[in-house]
Amino acid sequence: MPTSDRFNGSTQLYGVIGWPLSQSLSPLLHNTAFSTLGMSALYQRWEIPPEALSLFVQSMRLLHIKGCSVTIPHKTHLEPLLDTVTQTARQAGAVNTIFWHEGRLCGDNTDVTGFMAALQRENLAGVSVLLLGAGGAARAAAAGLTALPQAQRPAVVYVCTPSNTSHLPLAEMFGLTPLPWEDRHKLPVHLVINATPLGMRGKAEDATPFDFSLTPPLPSGESLAYDIVYNPLETRFLREAQAAGRRCISGLEMFIGQGNAQFSLWTGRALPAEAREALLASLLR
């Protein structure tokens, strides 16, 4: 559809806020979806410094911006600026999506939905999990895993960070088992989750928080590695996990899952396949 037909005075505005935003692929994902579905909507990047967050929320109300994705460092500072937040956002202690519902400006955390979407076909009942990291992605993982019904829940979720302290509040909040960083290779865990920025495109791209050659082996096919990093598509963490015989889950699955949940909150529709294909093509380039 020609651009002039899609964008006019009634075009609905969406966007992503963060500080900074240079690596965000959310505009590609959502604009491809709007274009494919023929919707008069536009999704933009808005770099908002922390001190301007309150003013931005006021602008959302004044301009009636239809929806917004939220990334670091704003996720944990939004709740008092909104009319209400969902139980999921409250549990995770973070908001990654702003949406309107019955005239109220609301917050949700679709990172939890996105993280768990990639694990829907996995049997996690009674297994052991190692969670590396304590930031927003780790909170989403902890919230999702501990919200499973008791019969489907892992037996234990270990959590650790290089500082040996930053993960302690997360462990207390969700009932996880804190583990010294230097002991992270000693346990035969079914699922290892990288919820750190290590491996992300840029200066940490060649880094990994885990050495799979040092951990006790599990039967082939029963062990998993899950990286929340999606750019690059294949991280060192995943390459080494695969070489060690583990099945791998890419961060792309979480990113698509949380994006689909956002799009559904805003429009009542699912992301079309073309949105995923555009994102994948960009990452492969």
Protein backbone atom coordinates (compact mmCIF):
# COMPACT_ATOMS: atom_id res chain seq x y z
CA MET A 1 0.00 0.00 0.00
CA PRO A 2 1.47 3.44 -0.89
CA THR A 3 2.81 5.41 2.07
CA SER A 4 0.43 8.32 1.37
CA ASP A 5 -2.53 5.96 1.77
CA ARG A 6 -1.29 4.56 5.08
CA PHE A 7 -0.22 7.74 6.87
CA ASN A 8 -2.55 10.69 7.39
CA GLY A 9 -3.97 12.85 10.15
CA SER A 10 -5.44 9.83 11.88
CA THR A 11 -2.22 7.80 11.87
CA GLN A 12 -1.74 6.08 15.22
CA LEU A 13 1.64 6.58 16.90
CA TYR A 14 3.61 3.89 18.71
CA GLY A 15 7.25 3.73 19.70
CA VAL A 16 10.03 2.47 21.91
CA ILE A 17 11.74 4.46 24.66
CA GLY A 18 15.15 3.87 26.18
CA TRP A 19 18.54 5.46 26.73
CA PRO A 20 20.23 4.74 24.37
CA LEU A 21 18.35 2.97 21.53
CA SER A 22 20.92 2.38 18.80
CA GLN A 23 20.42 -1.40 18.63
CA SER A 24 16.63 -1.64 18.86
CA LEU A 25 14.99 -3.72 16.14
CA SER A 26 11.48 -3.17 17.49
CA PRO A 27 10.69 -0.51 14.83
CA LEU A 28 11.44 -3.02 12.06
CA LEU A 29 9.25 -5.66 13.71
CA HIS A 30 6.20 -3.49 14.35
CA ASN A 31 6.35 -1.29 11.25
CA THR A 32 6.54 -4.41 9.08
CA ALA A 33 3.44 -5.70 10.88
CA PHE A 34 1.55 -2.41 10.41
CA SER A 35 2.48 -2.29 6.72
CA THR A 36 1.56 -5.94 6.09
CA LEU A 37 -1.83 -5.48 7.76
CA GLY A 38 -2.48 -2.17 5.97
CA MET A 39 -2.82 -0.24 9.22
CA SER A 40 -2.37 3.53 9.39
CA ALA A 41 0.18 3.35 12.20
CA LEU A 42 3.82 4.26 12.75
CA TYR A 43 6.32 2.95 15.31
CA GLN A 44 9.29 5.20 16.13
CA ARG A 45 12.41 5.35 18.30
CA TRP A 46 12.30 7.87 21.12
CA GLU A 47 15.53 8.28 23.09
CA ILE A 48 14.40 9.56 26.48
CA PRO A 49 16.98 10.37 29.18
CA PRO A 50 16.00 9.22 32.69
CA GLU A 51 15.30 12.74 33.91
CA ALA A 52 12.70 13.23 31.13
CA LEU A 53 10.72 10.01 31.70
CA SER A 54 7.89 11.72 33.61
CA LEU A 55 7.54 14.35 30.88
CA PHE A 56 7.37 11.64 28.24
CA VAL A 57 4.51 9.88 30.04
CA GLN A 58 2.69 13.21 30.20
CA SER A 59 3.25 13.57 26.45
CA MET A 60 1.74 10.12 25.89
CA ARG A 61 -1.40 11.30 27.66
CA LEU A 62 -1.59 14.64 25.84
CA LEU A 63 -0.91 13.25 22.36
CA HIS A 64 -2.72 9.98 23.09
CA ILE A 65 0.18 7.92 21.78
CA LYS A 66 -1.37 4.48 21.38
CA GLY A 67 1.37 2.31 22.82
CA CYS A 68 5.00 2.12 23.75
CA SER A 69 7.74 -0.47 24.26
CA VAL A 70 10.13 0.22 27.12
CA THR A 71 13.75 -0.78 27.47
CA ILE A 72 16.63 0.05 29.81
CA PRO A 73 16.90 2.04 31.98
CA HIS A 74 13.19 2.92 32.25
CA LYS A 75 11.53 -0.45 32.96
CA THR A 76 11.80 -0.23 36.74
CA HIS A 77 10.78 3.44 37.05
CA LEU A 78 7.45 3.55 35.22
CA GLU A 79 4.94 2.07 37.65
CA PRO A 80 4.30 5.23 39.73
CA LEU A 81 3.82 7.27 36.53
CA LEU A 82 1.01 5.06 35.17
CA ASP A 83 -2.61 4.60 36.20
CA THR A 84 -2.15 0.88 36.84
CA VAL A 85 0.09 -2.06 36.03
CA THR A 86 -0.72 -5.74 35.56
CA GLN A 87 0.04 -8.39 38.14
CA THR A 88 2.72 -9.76 35.81
CA ALA A 89 4.49 -6.39 35.71
CA ARG A 90 4.19 -6.04 39.46
CA GLN A 91 5.64 -9.52 39.99
CA ALA A 92 8.51 -8.87 37.60
CA GLY A 93 9.14 -5.46 39.15
CA ALA A 94 9.37 -3.92 35.68
CA VAL A 95 7.21 -2.51 32.87
CA ASN A 96 8.23 -3.10 29.25
CA THR A 97 4.91 -2.20 27.58
CA ILE A 98 2.59 0.80 27.94
CA PHE A 99 -0.96 0.50 26.59
CA TRP A 100 -4.39 2.05 26.98
CA HIS A 101 -7.33 0.19 28.51
CA GLU A 102 -10.71 1.80 29.11
CA GLY A 103 -9.17 5.27 29.14
CA ARG A 104 -6.41 4.37 31.59
CA LEU A 105 -2.69 4.30 30.83
CA CYS A 106 -1.48 0.86 31.85
CA GLY A 107 1.78 -1.06 32.12
CA ASP A 108 2.53 -4.73 31.45
CA ASN A 109 5.60 -6.94 31.20
CA THR A 110 5.50 -9.01 28.01
CA ASP A 111 9.11 -10.10 28.56
CA VAL A 112 7.69 -12.76 30.88
CA THR A 113 5.31 -13.99 28.17
CA GLY A 114 8.06 -13.86 25.56
CA PHE A 115 10.55 -15.74 27.71
CA MET A 116 8.11 -18.53 28.51
CA ALA A 117 6.79 -18.80 24.93
CA ALA A 118 10.02 -20.49 23.84
CA LEU A 119 9.71 -23.05 26.66
CA GLN A 120 6.10 -24.09 26.05
CA ARG A 121 7.08 -27.45 24.53
CA GLU A 122 9.70 -28.23 27.18
CA ASN A 123 9.08 -30.43 30.20
CA LEU A 124 10.54 -28.46 33.10
CA ALA A 125 8.90 -30.45 35.88
CA GLY A 126 11.47 -31.35 38.53
CA VAL A 127 14.51 -30.21 36.56
CA SER A 128 17.33 -27.90 37.69
CA VAL A 129 17.90 -24.48 36.12
CA LEU A 130 20.84 -22.10 36.26
CA LEU A 131 20.00 -18.42 35.70
CA LEU A 132 22.97 -16.18 34.92
CA GLY A 133 22.27 -12.50 35.59
CA ALA A 134 20.00 -10.34 37.73
CA GLY A 135 18.75 -7.57 35.41
CA GLY A 136 15.39 -7.10 33.69
CA ALA A 137 15.63 -10.24 31.56
CA ALA A 138 16.58 -12.32 34.60
CA ARG A 139 13.57 -10.91 36.48
CA ALA A 140 11.31 -11.92 33.58
CA ALA A 141 12.80 -15.42 33.55
CA ALA A 142 12.42 -15.80 37.31
CA ALA A 143 8.84 -14.53 37.23
CA GLY A 144 7.90 -16.89 34.41
CA LEU A 145 9.53 -20.01 35.85
CA THR A 146 8.15 -19.54 39.35
CA ALA A 147 4.64 -18.80 38.05
CA LEU A 148 4.33 -22.25 36.50
CA PRO A 149 1.87 -24.62 38.19
CA GLN A 150 3.58 -26.61 40.94
CA ALA A 151 3.46 -29.85 38.94
CA GLN A 152 5.25 -28.20 35.98
CA ARG A 153 7.80 -26.16 37.92
CA PRO A 154 11.57 -26.80 38.05
CA ALA A 155 12.79 -28.41 41.26
CA VAL A 156 15.38 -25.69 41.75
CA VAL A 157 16.41 -22.47 40.03
CA TYR A 158 19.95 -21.38 40.85
CA VAL A 159 20.92 -17.78 40.20
CA CYS A 160 24.34 -16.13 40.18
CA THR A 161 26.19 -12.99 39.08
CA PRO A 162 29.88 -12.07 38.90
CA SER A 163 29.49 -9.64 41.82
CA ASN A 164 28.16 -12.44 44.06
CA THR A 165 25.73 -9.89 45.53
CA SER A 166 23.52 -8.30 42.84
CA HIS A 167 21.45 -11.49 42.43
CA LEU A 168 20.57 -11.82 46.12
CA PRO A 169 17.46 -9.56 46.03
CA LEU A 170 16.22 -11.50 42.98
CA ALA A 171 16.75 -14.81 44.78
CA GLU A 172 14.82 -13.57 47.82
CA MET A 173 11.99 -12.11 45.75
CA PHE A 174 11.31 -15.29 43.76
CA GLY A 175 12.55 -18.01 46.09
CA LEU A 176 15.56 -18.88 43.94
CA THR A 177 18.75 -20.52 45.22
CA PRO A 178 21.74 -18.16 45.18
CA LEU A 179 24.96 -19.67 43.94
CA PRO A 180 28.52 -18.29 44.11
CA TRP A 181 29.69 -17.28 40.63
CA GLU A 182 32.78 -19.48 40.93
CA ASP A 183 30.55 -22.54 41.51
CA ARG A 184 28.38 -22.09 38.41
CA HIS A 185 30.08 -24.93 36.50
CA LYS A 186 29.94 -27.49 39.29
CA LEU A 187 26.28 -28.52 39.02
CA PRO A 188 24.67 -30.74 36.33
CA VAL A 189 21.77 -28.46 35.40
CA HIS A 190 19.15 -29.21 32.76
CA LEU A 191 18.71 -25.62 31.57
CA VAL A 192 21.32 -22.82 31.52
CA ILE A 193 19.96 -19.32 30.83
CA ASN A 194 22.14 -16.39 29.80
CA ALA A 195 20.29 -13.31 31.03
CA THR A 196 23.42 -11.13 30.95
CA PRO A 197 24.45 -8.73 28.15
CA LEU A 198 27.53 -10.85 27.41
CA GLY A 199 27.45 -11.87 23.76
CA MET A 200 25.45 -8.86 22.60
CA ARG A 201 26.62 -7.20 19.41
CA GLY A 202 29.31 -4.66 20.26
CA LYS A 203 32.19 -4.76 22.69
CA ALA A 204 30.88 -7.86 24.53
CA GLU A 205 30.12 -9.85 21.37
CA ASP A 206 32.96 -12.36 21.85
CA ALA A 207 32.20 -12.89 25.55
CA THR A 208 30.19 -15.60 27.29
CA PRO A 209 29.23 -16.04 30.95
CA PHE A 210 29.50 -19.84 30.88
CA ASP A 211 31.96 -22.54 29.79
CA PHE A 212 29.98 -25.64 28.85
CA SER A 213 33.13 -27.77 28.71
CA LEU A 214 33.50 -27.42 32.50
CA THR A 215 30.03 -28.54 33.57
CA PRO A 216 28.99 -32.15 34.31
CA PRO A 217 27.27 -33.66 31.26
CA LEU A 218 23.61 -34.61 31.01
CA PRO A 219 22.11 -37.17 28.60
CA SER A 220 22.07 -35.85 25.04
CA GLY A 221 18.77 -34.18 24.16
CA GLU A 222 17.83 -33.54 27.79
CA SER A 223 19.98 -30.46 28.29
CA LEU A 224 19.12 -26.96 27.10
CA ALA A 225 20.81 -23.59 26.69
CA TYR A 226 18.72 -20.42 26.37
CA ASP A 227 20.28 -17.07 25.44
CA ILE A 228 18.14 -13.95 25.79
CA VAL A 229 20.57 -12.08 23.50
CA TYR A 230 19.10 -11.96 19.97
CA ASN A 231 21.63 -9.78 18.16
CA PRO A 232 23.72 -11.52 16.92
CA LEU A 233 21.41 -14.43 16.23
CA GLU A 234 24.07 -17.02 17.12
CA THR A 235 26.13 -16.05 20.16
CA ARG A 236 29.29 -17.63 21.47
CA PHE A 237 27.20 -18.93 24.39
CA LEU A 238 24.94 -20.85 21.97
CA ARG A 239 27.76 -22.06 19.72
CA GLU A 240 29.60 -23.59 22.65
CA ALA A 241 26.39 -25.03 24.11
CA GLN A 242 25.62 -26.74 20.82
CA ALA A 243 29.18 -28.09 20.59
CA ALA A 244 28.67 -29.56 24.06
CA GLY A 245 25.55 -31.41 22.85
CA ARG A 246 22.88 -29.09 24.25
CA ARG A 247 19.74 -28.07 22.41
CA CYS A 248 19.65 -24.32 22.00
CA ILE A 249 17.01 -21.61 22.20
CA SER A 250 17.88 -18.28 20.61
CA GLY A 251 16.95 -14.91 22.05
CA LEU A 252 14.98 -14.34 18.85
CA GLU A 253 12.22 -16.54 20.26
CA MET A 254 11.86 -14.37 23.35
CA PHE A 255 12.02 -11.16 21.31
CA ILE A 256 9.31 -12.32 18.89
CA GLY A 257 7.19 -13.67 21.74
CA GLN A 258 7.26 -10.43 23.72
CA GLY A 259 6.72 -8.37 20.56
CA ASN A 260 3.70 -10.45 19.62
CA ALA A 261 2.23 -9.97 23.09
CA GLN A 262 2.77 -6.20 22.78
CA PHE A 263 1.18 -6.04 19.34
CA SER A 264 -1.81 -7.98 20.62
CA LEU A 265 -2.25 -5.60 23.58
CA TRP A 266 -2.19 -2.59 21.25
CA THR A 267 -4.19 -3.87 18.29
CA GLY A 268 -5.96 -7.07 19.31
CA ARG A 269 -4.14 -8.85 16.47
CA ALA A 270 -1.14 -11.17 16.20
CA LEU A 271 2.09 -10.25 14.47
CA PRO A 272 1.99 -11.50 10.86
CA ALA A 273 4.65 -13.93 9.67
CA GLU A 274 6.18 -11.18 7.53
CA ALA A 275 7.29 -9.32 10.69
CA ARG A 276 9.31 -12.30 11.91
CA GLU A 277 10.75 -12.85 8.44
CA ALA A 278 11.89 -9.21 8.19
CA LEU A 279 13.56 -9.40 11.59
CA LEU A 280 15.30 -12.67 10.78
CA ALA A 281 16.55 -11.31 7.45
CA SER A 282 17.98 -8.25 9.19
CA LEU A 283 19.78 -10.34 11.82
CA LEU A 284 21.23 -12.70 9.20
CA ARG A 285 22.62 -9.70 7.33
